[in-house]
């Protein structure tokens, strides 16, 4: 299984929009690959519909979504009708690809299989994996949900915003952070550099240990730097 910071494996796949090469399809964009146990299943339909509705957010963040399900392209094409109906959208085509993986080859290579969820032939289905890939093709986040639990795409958007922010500035985002809220100076930044960069905006929280490591600053986009 690919680990955080490692190059995300490249592969060719058939999708509802034709054959693609993952790395070529991603280009210089961020990407999110999310897998599904099976077409025409309730939780999966709600998830793909949610991604359709969130496409403006993904476009704002420069992220290309791509789904995977253990069924054929023909099945995906029929399933898309249900997804668009549930999402209550009217559009030509579909805004992102769905990968065909009847053989489970891709799901197996990426460690997506859920041994507790099997098809009628006793073959494990793919779990609800989420992989976030940055423009250098490195994997930046991995989440694996069981088949019975739908994903929280608000959390996925939040994580992408955090990753993109902390790539640009020497900050980290605290627990339950949301876009626009205060952030923390990374431990690798010296006090001298932090004071020079943030001046009066820098706040250090006093702790029983006496160690000045909790350094809070406003969201960098709110500062004139």
Protein backbone atom coordinates (compact mmCIF):
# COMPACT_ATOMS: atom_id res chain seq x y z
CA UNK A 1 0.00 0.00 0.00
CA UNK A 2 1.25 3.48 -0.84
CA UNK A 3 2.24 5.57 2.20
CA UNK A 4 1.87 9.29 2.84
CA UNK A 5 4.44 11.28 0.91
CA UNK A 6 5.11 8.48 -1.55
CA UNK A 7 4.47 8.73 -5.28
CA UNK A 8 0.93 7.62 -5.99
CA UNK A 9 0.93 4.62 -8.35
CA UNK A 10 0.05 5.36 -11.95
CA UNK A 11 -2.35 3.13 -13.89
CA UNK A 12 -4.47 2.95 -17.01
CA UNK A 13 -8.18 2.39 -16.58
CA UNK A 14 -11.46 2.30 -18.47
CA UNK A 15 -14.01 4.86 -17.31
CA UNK A 16 -17.36 6.29 -18.36
CA UNK A 17 -15.43 8.95 -20.31
CA UNK A 18 -13.07 6.51 -22.02
CA UNK A 19 -9.65 5.10 -21.21
CA UNK A 20 -7.42 7.29 -19.05
CA UNK A 21 -3.93 7.25 -17.61
CA UNK A 22 -4.26 8.54 -14.05
CA UNK A 23 -1.15 10.74 -13.95
CA UNK A 24 -1.81 12.19 -17.40
CA UNK A 25 -5.44 12.83 -16.51
CA UNK A 26 -4.44 14.64 -13.30
CA UNK A 27 -1.91 16.84 -15.08
CA UNK A 28 -0.79 19.59 -12.70
CA UNK A 29 -3.94 19.45 -10.58
CA UNK A 30 -4.65 18.07 -7.16
CA UNK A 31 -6.73 14.91 -7.25
CA UNK A 32 -9.05 12.89 -5.07
CA UNK A 33 -9.63 9.21 -5.81
CA UNK A 34 -12.52 7.67 -3.91
CA UNK A 35 -13.63 4.05 -4.23
CA UNK A 36 -17.03 2.40 -3.85
CA UNK A 37 -18.13 -1.18 -3.12
CA UNK A 38 -20.72 -1.50 -5.86
CA UNK A 39 -22.91 0.35 -8.36
CA UNK A 40 -26.62 0.77 -7.58
CA UNK A 41 -26.11 0.69 -3.81
CA UNK A 42 -27.65 3.30 -1.50
CA UNK A 43 -24.68 4.83 0.32
CA UNK A 44 -22.57 4.96 -2.84
CA UNK A 45 -25.31 6.76 -4.75
CA UNK A 46 -25.56 9.45 -2.08
CA UNK A 47 -21.79 9.93 -2.07
CA UNK A 48 -21.37 10.31 -5.82
CA UNK A 49 -24.33 12.68 -5.89
CA UNK A 50 -22.69 14.75 -3.15
CA UNK A 51 -19.51 15.04 -5.22
CA UNK A 52 -21.58 16.26 -8.18
CA UNK A 53 -23.01 19.02 -5.98
CA UNK A 54 -19.53 19.87 -4.65
CA UNK A 55 -17.90 20.24 -8.06
CA UNK A 56 -17.75 24.08 -7.77
CA UNK A 57 -15.81 23.65 -4.51
CA UNK A 58 -13.39 21.14 -6.03
CA UNK A 59 -12.89 23.43 -9.03
CA UNK A 60 -12.20 26.37 -6.71
CA UNK A 61 -9.49 24.31 -5.01
CA UNK A 62 -8.04 23.00 -8.27
CA UNK A 63 -8.96 19.40 -7.44
CA UNK A 64 -10.05 16.73 -9.92
CA UNK A 65 -12.31 14.03 -8.40
CA UNK A 66 -12.31 10.51 -9.80
CA UNK A 67 -14.34 7.56 -8.49
CA UNK A 68 -13.81 3.81 -8.66
CA UNK A 69 -16.40 1.05 -8.38
CA UNK A 70 -16.09 -2.72 -8.91
CA UNK A 71 -18.40 -2.78 -11.93
CA UNK A 72 -18.25 -2.31 -15.69
CA UNK A 73 -18.36 0.95 -17.61
CA UNK A 74 -21.79 -0.03 -18.97
CA UNK A 75 -23.02 -0.41 -15.41
CA UNK A 76 -21.54 2.97 -14.46
CA UNK A 77 -23.30 4.67 -17.35
CA UNK A 78 -26.68 3.33 -16.20
CA UNK A 79 -25.91 4.13 -12.56
CA UNK A 80 -25.06 7.73 -13.43
CA UNK A 81 -28.73 8.28 -14.32
CA UNK A 82 -29.69 7.44 -10.72
CA UNK A 83 -26.88 9.57 -9.31
CA UNK A 84 -27.95 12.66 -11.27
CA UNK A 85 -31.57 12.07 -10.32
CA UNK A 86 -30.69 11.81 -6.61
CA UNK A 87 -28.53 14.94 -6.87
CA UNK A 88 -31.41 16.72 -8.62
CA UNK A 89 -29.19 18.03 -11.39
CA UNK A 90 -29.80 18.27 -15.10
CA UNK A 91 -26.64 18.17 -17.18
CA UNK A 92 -25.14 16.60 -20.24
CA UNK A 93 -22.64 13.88 -19.40
CA UNK A 94 -21.15 13.57 -15.94
CA UNK A 95 -18.63 15.93 -14.27
CA UNK A 96 -16.00 13.35 -13.29
CA UNK A 97 -14.87 9.85 -14.31
CA UNK A 98 -15.87 6.57 -12.66
CA UNK A 99 -13.25 3.84 -13.05
CA UNK A 100 -14.19 0.31 -14.06
CA UNK A 101 -12.60 -2.30 -11.77
CA UNK A 102 -14.52 -5.56 -12.16
CA UNK A 103 -11.33 -7.58 -11.68
CA UNK A 104 -10.50 -5.72 -8.41
CA UNK A 105 -6.99 -5.26 -9.82
CA UNK A 106 -6.76 -1.56 -8.96
CA UNK A 107 -8.59 -1.93 -5.63
CA UNK A 108 -6.26 -4.78 -4.64
CA UNK A 109 -3.07 -2.92 -5.62
CA UNK A 110 -4.12 0.13 -3.58
CA UNK A 111 -5.26 -1.84 -0.53
CA UNK A 112 -8.90 -0.82 -0.93
CA UNK A 113 -10.58 -4.18 -0.30
CA UNK A 114 -12.93 -4.74 2.64
CA UNK A 115 -12.76 -8.39 3.73
CA UNK A 116 -16.08 -8.03 5.59
CA UNK A 117 -18.02 -6.97 2.49
CA UNK A 118 -18.26 -9.52 -0.33
CA UNK A 119 -20.25 -9.87 -3.53
CA UNK A 120 -22.55 -12.79 -4.40
CA UNK A 121 -19.51 -14.82 -5.44
CA UNK A 122 -17.74 -14.29 -2.13
CA UNK A 123 -15.19 -11.85 -3.58
CA UNK A 124 -14.30 -8.86 -1.34
CA UNK A 125 -15.61 -5.49 -2.49
CA UNK A 126 -13.67 -2.25 -2.35
CA UNK A 127 -14.05 -0.25 0.86
CA UNK A 128 -14.69 3.50 0.88
CA UNK A 129 -11.09 4.62 0.36
CA UNK A 130 -10.13 8.27 -0.06
CA UNK A 131 -6.76 9.26 -1.50
CA UNK A 132 -5.74 12.89 -1.93
CA UNK A 133 -2.94 13.37 -4.45
CA UNK A 134 -0.99 16.61 -4.87
CA UNK A 135 0.27 18.11 -8.17
CA UNK A 136 3.62 16.30 -7.79
CA UNK A 137 1.65 13.00 -7.68
CA UNK A 138 2.47 12.40 -4.01
CA UNK A 139 -0.22 10.96 -1.75
CA UNK A 140 -1.04 13.50 0.91
CA UNK A 141 -3.96 11.87 2.72
CA UNK A 142 -5.51 8.41 3.03
CA UNK A 143 -8.79 7.53 4.76
CA UNK A 144 -10.44 4.11 4.70
CA UNK A 145 -14.10 3.83 5.71
CA UNK A 146 -16.02 0.56 6.00
CA UNK A 147 -18.59 -0.05 3.29
CA UNK A 148 -21.48 0.66 5.65
CA UNK A 149 -20.32 4.18 6.57
CA UNK A 150 -20.69 7.07 4.16
CA UNK A 151 -17.94 9.63 3.93
CA UNK A 152 -18.02 13.20 5.22
CA UNK A 153 -17.07 15.28 2.20
CA UNK A 154 -17.10 18.48 4.26
CA UNK A 155 -14.13 16.99 6.13
CA UNK A 156 -12.42 16.10 2.87
CA UNK A 157 -12.81 19.70 1.63
CA UNK A 158 -11.47 20.94 4.99
CA UNK A 159 -8.39 18.71 4.74
CA UNK A 160 -7.62 19.88 1.20
CA UNK A 161 -7.88 23.51 2.33
CA UNK A 162 -5.50 22.74 5.20
CA UNK A 163 -3.00 20.93 2.94
CA UNK A 164 -2.95 23.74 0.42
CA UNK A 165 -2.60 26.41 3.12
CA UNK A 166 0.20 24.65 4.99
CA UNK A 167 2.06 24.01 1.73
CA UNK A 168 2.09 27.76 1.10
CA UNK A 169 2.84 29.02 4.62
CA UNK A 170 4.86 27.67 7.56
CA UNK A 171 1.74 27.01 9.63
CA UNK A 172 -0.29 24.06 10.87
CA UNK A 173 -4.05 23.86 11.41
CA UNK A 174 -5.33 22.93 14.91
CA UNK A 175 -8.09 20.55 15.90
CA UNK A 176 -11.46 21.20 14.21
CA UNK A 177 -9.91 24.05 12.19
CA UNK A 178 -11.98 25.60 9.42
CA UNK A 179 -10.98 27.94 6.63
CA UNK A 180 -10.52 31.50 7.90
CA UNK A 181 -9.81 30.52 11.50
CA UNK A 182 -6.55 31.06 13.38
CA UNK A 183 -3.65 28.72 12.67
CA UNK A 184 -0.47 27.68 14.49
CA UNK A 185 3.16 28.38 13.70
CA UNK A 186 5.02 25.19 12.83
CA UNK A 187 7.54 23.94 15.44
CA UNK A 188 10.33 24.15 12.87
CA UNK A 189 9.97 27.96 12.78
CA UNK A 190 12.17 29.73 15.34
CA UNK A 191 10.71 32.32 17.71
CA UNK A 192 12.88 34.95 16.04
CA UNK A 193 11.52 34.11 12.60
CA UNK A 194 7.94 33.91 13.90
CA UNK A 195 8.19 37.36 15.53
CA UNK A 196 9.74 38.82 12.39
CA UNK A 197 7.05 37.32 10.17
CA UNK A 198 3.94 37.90 12.28
CA UNK A 199 4.93 40.80 14.60
CA UNK A 200 2.03 41.80 16.88
CA UNK A 201 -0.25 39.17 15.35
CA UNK A 202 1.72 36.39 17.07
CA UNK A 203 0.20 35.08 20.33
CA UNK A 204 1.98 32.51 22.48
CA UNK A 205 -0.21 30.45 24.81
CA UNK A 206 1.20 29.99 28.31
CA UNK A 207 1.30 26.35 29.44
CA UNK A 208 2.26 24.58 32.71
CA UNK A 209 5.40 23.21 31.06
CA UNK A 210 6.61 26.73 30.38
CA UNK A 211 7.44 25.70 26.83
CA UNK A 212 6.36 28.37 24.28
CA UNK A 213 5.34 25.98 21.51
CA UNK A 214 1.66 26.93 21.14
CA UNK A 215 2.02 29.95 18.88
CA UNK A 216 -1.21 31.22 17.35
CA UNK A 217 -1.53 33.57 14.38
CA UNK A 218 -4.46 34.70 12.24
CA UNK A 219 -5.20 32.90 9.00
CA UNK A 220 -2.31 33.99 6.72
CA UNK A 221 -4.70 35.29 4.07
CA UNK A 222 -5.97 37.77 6.68
CA UNK A 223 -2.47 39.21 7.20
CA UNK A 224 -0.51 41.69 5.11
CA UNK A 225 2.81 39.91 4.83
